[in-house]
Amino acid sequence: MMIHSALDAGRLEKGPAASGTGRHEAFASATVSSDNIVQAMIGGKVKPEGMPRYLGEIMATVMSSVGPKGVNFARYSIDYHVLRNYLHTLDVWGVEADKMLPEYAKAIVEHYLDTDKGFRQIEETLRAKK
């Protein structure tokens, strides 16, 4: 109703449907697995410094050409942040984290637990800590 009112009043313009290319799940999973915060939680190797700036710029160029684009990049970003925040909450709160997770985040986490062995192993490692 509110959207229709805004459209009718000319305060909102509707554009074409968002689109994107590339699969976002593998990139989200790889980013979570290599994240220093996640590595610190599971007792993995934490890199004291990031890569040199010039190498980071090269990597960003390559990733932008082979990684997800458009709406799939947005999906990657959302999934990555939801997964990392879930793991942090699990690390701090243990099984109580499950009660604090909103439904949309539960759906994302359950998808990766069902389809991604690496993410499932990280989650099991954190559950075993408590």
C-alpha atoms as a PDB file:
ATOM      1  CA  MET A   1       0.000   0.000   0.000  1.00  0.00           C
ATOM      2  CA  MET A   2       2.710   2.463   0.989  1.00  0.00           C
ATOM      3  CA  ILE A   3       4.747   1.666  -2.123  1.00  0.00           C
ATOM      4  CA  HIS A   4       1.724   2.240  -4.348  1.00  0.00           C
ATOM      5  CA  SER A   5       1.101   5.602  -2.677  1.00  0.00           C
ATOM      6  CA  ALA A   6       4.718   6.654  -3.218  1.00  0.00           C
ATOM      7  CA  LEU A   7       4.598   5.520  -6.854  1.00  0.00           C
ATOM      8  CA  ASP A   8       1.293   7.338  -7.451  1.00  0.00           C
ATOM      9  CA  ALA A   9       2.659  10.525  -5.870  1.00  0.00           C
ATOM     10  CA  GLY A  10       5.762  10.395  -8.071  1.00  0.00           C
ATOM     11  CA  ARG A  11       8.055  10.096  -5.035  1.00  0.00           C
ATOM     12  CA  LEU A  12       9.323   6.677  -6.040  1.00  0.00           C
ATOM     13  CA  GLU A  13      10.420   5.337  -9.382  1.00  0.00           C
ATOM     14  CA  LYS A  14      10.360   1.673 -10.212  1.00  0.00           C
ATOM     15  CA  GLY A  15      13.307   0.432 -12.258  1.00  0.00           C
ATOM     16  CA  PRO A  16      14.056  -2.838 -13.986  1.00  0.00           C
ATOM     17  CA  ALA A  17      14.380  -6.001 -11.919  1.00  0.00           C
ATOM     18  CA  ALA A  18      17.801  -6.401 -10.348  1.00  0.00           C
ATOM     19  CA  SER A  19      20.019  -9.004 -11.937  1.00  0.00           C
ATOM     20  CA  GLY A  20      23.421 -10.462 -11.435  1.00  0.00           C
ATOM     21  CA  THR A  21      25.830 -13.129 -12.520  1.00  0.00           C
ATOM     22  CA  GLY A  22      28.108 -15.582 -10.770  1.00  0.00           C
ATOM     23  CA  ARG A  23      27.491 -17.892  -7.849  1.00  0.00           C
ATOM     24  CA  HIS A  24      27.800 -16.186  -4.516  1.00  0.00           C
ATOM     25  CA  GLU A  25      27.817 -19.171  -2.133  1.00  0.00           C
ATOM     26  CA  ALA A  26      31.370 -20.356  -2.841  1.00  0.00           C
ATOM     27  CA  PHE A  27      32.748 -16.831  -2.424  1.00  0.00           C
ATOM     28  CA  ALA A  28      30.867 -16.301   0.853  1.00  0.00           C
ATOM     29  CA  SER A  29      32.081 -19.624   2.227  1.00  0.00           C
ATOM     30  CA  ALA A  30      35.689 -18.998   1.197  1.00  0.00           C
ATOM     31  CA  THR A  31      35.623 -15.518   2.718  1.00  0.00           C
ATOM     32  CA  VAL A  32      34.229 -16.818   6.017  1.00  0.00           C
ATOM     33  CA  SER A  33      36.788 -19.638   6.161  1.00  0.00           C
ATOM     34  CA  SER A  34      39.724 -17.282   5.594  1.00  0.00           C
ATOM     35  CA  ASP A  35      38.454 -14.446   7.817  1.00  0.00           C
ATOM     36  CA  ASN A  36      40.943 -13.615  10.617  1.00  0.00           C
ATOM     37  CA  ILE A  37      38.111 -13.171  13.125  1.00  0.00           C
ATOM     38  CA  VAL A  38      36.776 -16.650  12.348  1.00  0.00           C
ATOM     39  CA  GLN A  39      40.268 -18.156  12.386  1.00  0.00           C
ATOM     40  CA  ALA A  40      40.875 -16.650  15.833  1.00  0.00           C
ATOM     41  CA  MET A  41      37.601 -18.168  17.095  1.00  0.00           C
ATOM     42  CA  ILE A  42      38.507 -21.692  15.985  1.00  0.00           C
ATOM     43  CA  GLY A  43      42.187 -21.558  16.943  1.00  0.00           C
ATOM     44  CA  GLY A  44      43.397 -21.244  13.372  1.00  0.00           C
ATOM     45  CA  LYS A  45      46.300 -19.242  12.029  1.00  0.00           C
ATOM     46  CA  VAL A  46      45.711 -15.504  12.323  1.00  0.00           C
ATOM     47  CA  LYS A  47      47.643 -13.335   9.896  1.00  0.00           C
ATOM     48  CA  PRO A  48      49.212 -10.409  11.751  1.00  0.00           C
ATOM     49  CA  GLU A  49      49.153  -8.199   8.659  1.00  0.00           C
ATOM     50  CA  GLY A  50      47.126  -8.015   5.510  1.00  0.00           C
ATOM     51  CA  MET A  51      48.639  -8.330   2.074  1.00  0.00           C
ATOM     52  CA  PRO A  52      50.585  -5.408   0.583  1.00  0.00           C
ATOM     53  CA  ARG A  53      48.387  -2.709  -0.913  1.00  0.00           C
ATOM     54  CA  TYR A  54      49.500  -3.267  -4.534  1.00  0.00           C
ATOM     55  CA  LEU A  55      48.760  -6.993  -4.228  1.00  0.00           C
ATOM     56  CA  GLY A  56      45.358  -6.225  -2.697  1.00  0.00           C
ATOM     57  CA  GLU A  57      44.518  -3.978  -5.637  1.00  0.00           C
ATOM     58  CA  ILE A  58      45.503  -6.705  -8.109  1.00  0.00           C
ATOM     59  CA  MET A  59      43.431  -9.224  -6.169  1.00  0.00           C
ATOM     60  CA  ALA A  60      40.429  -6.867  -6.133  1.00  0.00           C
ATOM     61  CA  THR A  61      40.672  -6.453  -9.906  1.00  0.00           C
ATOM     62  CA  VAL A  62      40.786 -10.209 -10.456  1.00  0.00           C
ATOM     63  CA  MET A  63      37.961 -10.855  -7.983  1.00  0.00           C
ATOM     64  CA  SER A  64      35.756  -8.235  -9.622  1.00  0.00           C
ATOM     65  CA  SER A  65      36.141  -9.983 -12.969  1.00  0.00           C
ATOM     66  CA  VAL A  66      35.536 -13.554 -11.739  1.00  0.00           C
ATOM     67  CA  GLY A  67      33.345 -12.989  -8.681  1.00  0.00           C
ATOM     68  CA  PRO A  68      29.618 -12.445  -8.353  1.00  0.00           C
ATOM     69  CA  LYS A  69      28.197  -9.292  -9.868  1.00  0.00           C
ATOM     70  CA  GLY A  70      25.100  -7.190  -9.375  1.00  0.00           C
ATOM     71  CA  VAL A  71      22.501  -8.623  -7.035  1.00  0.00           C
ATOM     72  CA  ASN A  72      24.632 -11.743  -6.552  1.00  0.00           C
ATOM     73  CA  PHE A  73      27.393  -9.586  -5.086  1.00  0.00           C
ATOM     74  CA  ALA A  74      24.818  -8.225  -2.643  1.00  0.00           C
ATOM     75  CA  ARG A  75      23.808 -11.803  -1.781  1.00  0.00           C
ATOM     76  CA  TYR A  76      27.465 -12.692  -1.216  1.00  0.00           C
ATOM     77  CA  SER A  77      27.928  -9.735   1.118  1.00  0.00           C
ATOM     78  CA  ILE A  78      24.767 -10.472   3.093  1.00  0.00           C
ATOM     79  CA  ASP A  79      25.575 -14.180   3.414  1.00  0.00           C
ATOM     80  CA  TYR A  80      29.168 -13.518   4.464  1.00  0.00           C
ATOM     81  CA  HIS A  81      28.187 -11.053   7.197  1.00  0.00           C
ATOM     82  CA  VAL A  82      25.305 -13.196   8.481  1.00  0.00           C
ATOM     83  CA  LEU A  83      27.556 -16.281   8.645  1.00  0.00           C
ATOM     84  CA  ARG A  84      30.422 -14.474  10.362  1.00  0.00           C
ATOM     85  CA  ASN A  85      28.087 -12.823  12.867  1.00  0.00           C
ATOM     86  CA  TYR A  86      26.406 -16.166  13.561  1.00  0.00           C
ATOM     87  CA  LEU A  87      29.775 -17.795  14.260  1.00  0.00           C
ATOM     88  CA  HIS A  88      30.740 -14.926  16.570  1.00  0.00           C
ATOM     89  CA  THR A  89      27.452 -15.218  18.451  1.00  0.00           C
ATOM     90  CA  LEU A  90      27.903 -18.985  18.695  1.00  0.00           C
ATOM     91  CA  ASP A  91      31.436 -18.476  20.017  1.00  0.00           C
ATOM     92  CA  VAL A  92      30.301 -16.022  22.690  1.00  0.00           C
ATOM     93  CA  TRP A  93      26.894 -17.420  23.662  1.00  0.00           C
ATOM     94  CA  GLY A  94      27.114 -21.105  22.730  1.00  0.00           C
ATOM     95  CA  VAL A  95      23.830 -22.842  21.954  1.00  0.00           C
ATOM     96  CA  GLU A  96      21.931 -19.784  23.187  1.00  0.00           C
ATOM     97  CA  ALA A  97      22.934 -18.203  19.871  1.00  0.00           C
ATOM     98  CA  ASP A  98      20.300 -20.336  18.149  1.00  0.00           C
ATOM     99  CA  LYS A  99      17.553 -18.559  20.100  1.00  0.00           C
ATOM    100  CA  MET A 100      18.843 -15.115  19.140  1.00  0.00           C
ATOM    101  CA  LEU A 101      18.986 -15.655  15.403  1.00  0.00           C
ATOM    102  CA  PRO A 102      16.277 -13.965  13.308  1.00  0.00           C
ATOM    103  CA  GLU A 103      14.393 -16.238  10.893  1.00  0.00           C
ATOM    104  CA  TYR A 104      16.007 -14.810   7.752  1.00  0.00           C
ATOM    105  CA  ALA A 105      19.472 -15.450   9.238  1.00  0.00           C
ATOM    106  CA  LYS A 106      18.494 -18.978  10.300  1.00  0.00           C
ATOM    107  CA  ALA A 107      17.549 -19.752   6.710  1.00  0.00           C
ATOM    108  CA  ILE A 108      20.938 -18.560   5.446  1.00  0.00           C
ATOM    109  CA  VAL A 109      22.891 -20.429   8.145  1.00  0.00           C
ATOM    110  CA  GLU A 110      20.890 -23.638   7.619  1.00  0.00           C
ATOM    111  CA  HIS A 111      21.508 -23.454   3.858  1.00  0.00           C
ATOM    112  CA  TYR A 112      25.280 -23.338   4.388  1.00  0.00           C
ATOM    113  CA  LEU A 113      25.179 -26.023   7.093  1.00  0.00           C
ATOM    114  CA  ASP A 114      23.306 -28.288   4.658  1.00  0.00           C
ATOM    115  CA  THR A 115      25.453 -27.596   1.605  1.00  0.00           C
ATOM    116  CA  ASP A 116      28.930 -26.552   2.759  1.00  0.00           C
ATOM    117  CA  LYS A 117      31.167 -29.036   4.554  1.00  0.00           C
ATOM    118  CA  GLY A 118      33.760 -26.392   5.475  1.00  0.00           C
ATOM    119  CA  PHE A 119      31.216 -24.131   7.147  1.00  0.00           C
ATOM    120  CA  ARG A 120      29.686 -27.102   8.952  1.00  0.00           C
ATOM    121  CA  GLN A 121      33.147 -28.036  10.322  1.00  0.00           C
ATOM    122  CA  ILE A 122      33.733 -24.500  11.601  1.00  0.00           C
ATOM    123  CA  GLU A 123      30.345 -24.531  13.325  1.00  0.00           C
ATOM    124  CA  GLU A 124      31.039 -27.945  14.886  1.00  0.00           C
ATOM    125  CA  THR A 125      34.416 -26.719  16.141  1.00  0.00           C
ATOM    126  CA  LEU A 126      32.753 -23.771  17.877  1.00  0.00           C
ATOM    127  CA  ARG A 127      29.982 -25.921  19.353  1.00  0.00           C
ATOM    128  CA  ALA A 128      32.617 -28.307  20.746  1.00  0.00           C
ATOM    129  CA  LYS A 129      34.348 -25.411  22.555  1.00  0.00           C
ATOM    130  CA  LYS A 130      31.369 -24.805  24.827  1.00  0.00           C
END
